[in-house]
C-alpha cells in the first residue's frame, strides 16, 4: 500500500472510530460552551436575621468563539430528584456577574470568563441540600457564522455542600453600639475576589467592618477629619479564641479619615494587622490597627479575650474600623473566606442604609437612623447580619 493510501486509510479509520465513540457516549457526554466550577465548596451559616445563608461563586468561562448570553440558571439538588432550589433569572445575572474591567453584563464574549455571585437563603437547615448542580440556559450568537442565534441548556458546576456547623468564636470587641458593616452576603467584601498566585481567591466572603456609633447614634462626635472623633478609634480588639499568632504587621502609617489613600498595594491594604491560627484549618484576620499598638508577636500563643491591638485607620481604609474575617489559610489574600458564628451577643437594632453607611460617613456628625430590635435580643451562635447593631459582653 502506498504512503498516500496509508494516510487516507488511517484518516478514514480515525474518523470512523471518533464517530463510533461519539455515538456511544452521546447519552452521557456533550459539548458545553460554558465551563463552570465553584470557587470553593459552600458552607451555610445562620445569620441574625433568622435565615440560613449559602453564599458561593460560579466561575464561568465561554469556551466558544461566539458571544454567549446567560438567560437563566436553575440551582438543582441532584440528591433530591433534581428539585429546583433556586432560579436565577436574566435580570439578576448581569448585576451579579463580575466581568473584567468592572463590566455589568449577562453576556460573555468569546473565551471570556466571569464570576457569578450566588446567594441562597433557607428557613431551616434541613432544607439545605448536600449537593448542588446548575442547569444553565444560554443563547449563542452566530454559532456557525450565518446561522441564527441558538438557545442551549447544559448542566454544569456540580458541587458538594459542607453541612458541618461553622466554627464558633468569641466576640472580636467588647461593649455596645457596634454596627456590622458590609456583612454577608451582598457587599463590597463579597465582591473582593482576587487573582492571586494563578487562581482566584475570595478571602473576604464573610468579612465584617465593625464601626461604632455614639449614644446619639452619630458616627463622629467631633471634627470628622480627626480619627479621635470616631467612637471606635482606640477600642481594644480581642482574640476570638485560644490561638497562635502567625502574622503581624505594625508599621503602616495612620491616615486622616474622609477618603481612601493612594498608592495602596496588596502588602499594605490591610494596614497594621494580625492573623491568628484558630486551629482546624481556620484563620482569623484583624486589619487596620493603629501603628505601634499591636500587643502580640508572631509565634505567640494567645487566650480568648486577650487584647491584640487598638482599632485604627491604617491601610485601605477611609475611617477608623476593625475589619475581621475567618479564612481557610494564613494568607489574607491567597485564602477563601469561611463562615463563622459568634457564641453570644445582644441584637440592639438595625441601621437603615442602602449603601453600607457610605452616605452617612459624608455627614458623620448627624445621627443615623436605627430601627430598634423588636424580637429576641440575646443571640447565640449566629453571624450578625449586615448593618445590625450589636452589644458584645464586657
Foldseek 3Di string as FASTA:
>chain_A
DDPVVVVVVVVVVVVVVVVVVCVVCVVPDDDDQKAKAKQDAWEWFFAPVQKIKTKTKIKIWGQAQFKKAWAKKFKFQVVVVRDTQDIQGRVNFQVQKQFPPRGRGRIAHHGGIIMGIDMGIGNDLVSDHQKIKMWIWMWTCCRPPPDHIDIDIDIHHIHGHPHDYFAEWAAFFAFFQKWFFQADDDAPLCVPWDCDPNRIARASRGKTWIFGADPLQFQFADPQQAQVRGPQFFGFTWGGAFWFWADWDAAFAAHTADAWDPPFDPVWQQPTKIWTDRDPQKIKIKGQFHHPFADDDHGDTDGTGDTGGGFGHTHGGRHTTIMMFMFRDRDSGPTYTDDWFYAKKFWFFFFDDPHRCPVCSVVRNDHTDTGGDDDGGIDGGHRHDHRIIIHHHD
